[in-house]
């Protein structure tokens, strides 16, 4: 039996991911942790900007 090479596997994975929404992916085991770590600083900075804007409006 032949085995799939990495290039072919990656191509097929990318094709499959074209049809999957991020809101579905985040529920896969481990994905939330990876994404929250990757975007941690960006999300906190955006939140701080939003909070500062709210304070200015008051």
N, C-alpha and C. Protein backbone atom coordinates (compact mmCIF):
# COMPACT_ATOMS: atom_id res chain seq x y z
N UNK A 1 0.84 -1.18 0.00
CA UNK A 1 0.00 0.00 0.00
C UNK A 1 0.89 1.25 0.00
N UNK A 2 0.53 2.22 -0.82
CA UNK A 2 1.27 3.48 -0.87
C UNK A 2 0.90 4.34 0.32
N UNK A 3 1.80 5.21 0.70
CA UNK A 3 1.50 6.19 1.75
C UNK A 3 1.50 7.58 1.14
N UNK A 4 0.68 8.44 1.70
CA UNK A 4 0.57 9.81 1.20
C UNK A 4 1.79 10.60 1.65
N UNK A 5 2.31 11.43 0.76
CA UNK A 5 3.45 12.26 1.14
C UNK A 5 2.95 13.56 1.79
N UNK A 6 3.84 14.26 2.44
CA UNK A 6 3.46 15.45 3.20
C UNK A 6 2.86 16.53 2.32
N UNK A 7 3.42 16.72 1.14
CA UNK A 7 2.92 17.74 0.22
C UNK A 7 1.48 17.45 -0.19
N UNK A 8 1.18 16.22 -0.52
CA UNK A 8 -0.18 15.85 -0.91
C UNK A 8 -1.13 15.96 0.27
N UNK A 9 -0.69 15.54 1.44
CA UNK A 9 -1.52 15.64 2.63
C UNK A 9 -1.86 17.11 2.92
N UNK A 10 -0.85 17.97 2.87
CA UNK A 10 -1.05 19.39 3.13
C UNK A 10 -2.00 20.01 2.11
N UNK A 11 -1.85 19.63 0.85
CA UNK A 11 -2.73 20.15 -0.20
C UNK A 11 -4.18 19.78 0.09
N UNK A 12 -4.40 18.53 0.45
CA UNK A 12 -5.76 18.06 0.74
C UNK A 12 -6.31 18.68 2.03
N UNK A 13 -5.44 18.87 3.01
CA UNK A 13 -5.87 19.52 4.25
C UNK A 13 -6.31 20.96 3.97
N UNK A 14 -5.53 21.70 3.22
CA UNK A 14 -5.88 23.08 2.89
C UNK A 14 -7.20 23.13 2.12
N UNK A 15 -7.41 22.19 1.22
CA UNK A 15 -8.66 22.13 0.46
C UNK A 15 -9.83 21.90 1.40
N UNK A 16 -9.69 20.98 2.35
CA UNK A 16 -10.75 20.68 3.31
C UNK A 16 -11.04 21.89 4.18
N UNK A 17 -9.99 22.61 4.59
CA UNK A 17 -10.17 23.75 5.48
C UNK A 17 -10.87 24.93 4.81
N UNK A 18 -10.88 24.96 3.48
CA UNK A 18 -11.58 26.03 2.77
C UNK A 18 -13.06 26.05 3.12
N UNK A 19 -13.62 24.91 3.47
CA UNK A 19 -15.06 24.81 3.73
C UNK A 19 -15.41 24.82 5.21
N UNK A 20 -14.42 25.01 6.08
CA UNK A 20 -14.67 24.97 7.51
C UNK A 20 -14.59 26.37 8.09
N UNK A 21 -15.59 26.73 8.89
CA UNK A 21 -15.61 28.05 9.53
C UNK A 21 -14.72 28.04 10.78
N UNK A 22 -14.16 29.20 11.09
CA UNK A 22 -13.32 29.33 12.28
C UNK A 22 -14.11 28.97 13.54
N UNK A 23 -15.40 29.29 13.56
CA UNK A 23 -16.22 28.98 14.73
C UNK A 23 -16.37 27.47 14.93
N UNK A 24 -16.18 26.69 13.89
CA UNK A 24 -16.18 25.23 14.01
C UNK A 24 -14.81 24.73 14.46
N UNK A 25 -13.76 25.30 13.90
CA UNK A 25 -12.40 24.87 14.21
C UNK A 25 -12.05 25.08 15.68
N UNK A 26 -12.54 26.16 16.26
CA UNK A 26 -12.16 26.50 17.63
C UNK A 26 -12.61 25.45 18.64
N UNK A 27 -13.57 24.61 18.25
CA UNK A 27 -14.07 23.57 19.15
C UNK A 27 -13.26 22.27 19.06
N UNK A 28 -12.33 22.19 18.13
CA UNK A 28 -11.47 21.00 18.04
C UNK A 28 -10.48 21.01 19.20
N UNK A 29 -10.20 19.86 19.78
CA UNK A 29 -9.28 19.79 20.92
C UNK A 29 -7.93 20.46 20.63
N UNK A 30 -7.55 21.39 21.50
CA UNK A 30 -6.26 22.05 21.40
C UNK A 30 -6.23 23.32 20.56
N UNK A 31 -7.21 23.51 19.70
CA UNK A 31 -7.20 24.66 18.80
C UNK A 31 -7.42 25.97 19.56
N UNK A 32 -8.37 25.98 20.51
CA UNK A 32 -8.61 27.20 21.28
C UNK A 32 -7.33 27.66 21.97
N UNK A 33 -6.63 26.73 22.58
CA UNK A 33 -5.41 27.07 23.31
C UNK A 33 -4.34 27.66 22.38
N UNK A 34 -4.20 27.08 21.21
CA UNK A 34 -3.22 27.57 20.24
C UNK A 34 -3.59 28.98 19.78
N UNK A 35 -4.86 29.18 19.43
CA UNK A 35 -5.29 30.48 18.92
C UNK A 35 -5.28 31.56 20.00
N UNK A 36 -5.70 31.21 21.21
CA UNK A 36 -5.71 32.22 22.27
C UNK A 36 -4.28 32.64 22.63
N UNK A 37 -3.36 31.72 22.58
CA UNK A 37 -1.95 32.06 22.83
C UNK A 37 -1.40 32.94 21.71
N UNK A 38 -1.71 32.60 20.48
CA UNK A 38 -1.20 33.34 19.32
C UNK A 38 -1.73 34.78 19.29
N UNK A 39 -3.01 34.97 19.61
CA UNK A 39 -3.65 36.28 19.49
C UNK A 39 -3.83 36.99 20.82
N UNK A 40 -3.25 36.48 21.89
CA UNK A 40 -3.42 37.03 23.23
C UNK A 40 -3.16 38.53 23.29
N UNK A 41 -1.98 38.96 22.92
CA UNK A 41 -1.62 40.38 23.03
C UNK A 41 -2.50 41.26 22.16
N UNK A 42 -2.77 40.82 20.96
CA UNK A 42 -3.60 41.60 20.03
C UNK A 42 -5.01 41.80 20.60
N UNK A 43 -5.59 40.76 21.15
CA UNK A 43 -6.93 40.85 21.71
C UNK A 43 -6.96 41.78 22.92
N UNK A 44 -5.96 41.66 23.78
CA UNK A 44 -5.90 42.53 24.96
C UNK A 44 -5.72 43.99 24.55
N UNK A 45 -4.87 44.26 23.58
CA UNK A 45 -4.69 45.63 23.09
C UNK A 45 -5.98 46.19 22.52
N UNK A 46 -6.71 45.41 21.74
CA UNK A 46 -7.99 45.86 21.18
C UNK A 46 -8.98 46.15 22.29
N UNK A 47 -9.02 45.29 23.30
CA UNK A 47 -9.93 45.48 24.42
C UNK A 47 -9.59 46.77 25.18
N UNK A 48 -8.30 47.01 25.41
CA UNK A 48 -7.87 48.22 26.11
C UNK A 48 -8.26 49.47 25.34
N UNK A 49 -8.13 49.44 24.03
CA UNK A 49 -8.55 50.58 23.19
C UNK A 49 -10.05 50.79 23.31
N UNK A 50 -10.82 49.72 23.24
CA UNK A 50 -12.28 49.82 23.38
C UNK A 50 -12.66 50.39 24.74
N UNK A 51 -12.01 49.93 25.79
CA UNK A 51 -12.31 50.42 27.15
C UNK A 51 -11.95 51.90 27.28
N UNK A 52 -10.84 52.31 26.72
CA UNK A 52 -10.44 53.72 26.77
C UNK A 52 -11.44 54.58 26.03
N UNK A 53 -11.95 54.10 24.91
CA UNK A 53 -12.95 54.84 24.14
C UNK A 53 -14.23 55.00 24.95
N UNK A 54 -14.63 53.96 25.65
CA UNK A 54 -15.83 54.02 26.48
C UNK A 54 -15.67 55.06 27.58
N UNK A 55 -14.49 55.10 28.21
CA UNK A 55 -14.23 56.05 29.28
C UNK A 55 -14.27 57.49 28.77
N UNK A 56 -13.77 57.71 27.55
CA UNK A 56 -13.78 59.04 26.96
C UNK A 56 -15.20 59.50 26.68
N UNK A 57 -16.09 58.58 26.35
CA UNK A 57 -17.48 58.91 26.03
C UNK A 57 -18.26 59.30 27.28
N UNK A 58 -17.82 58.84 28.44
CA UNK A 58 -18.56 59.10 29.68
C UNK A 58 -18.34 60.48 30.20
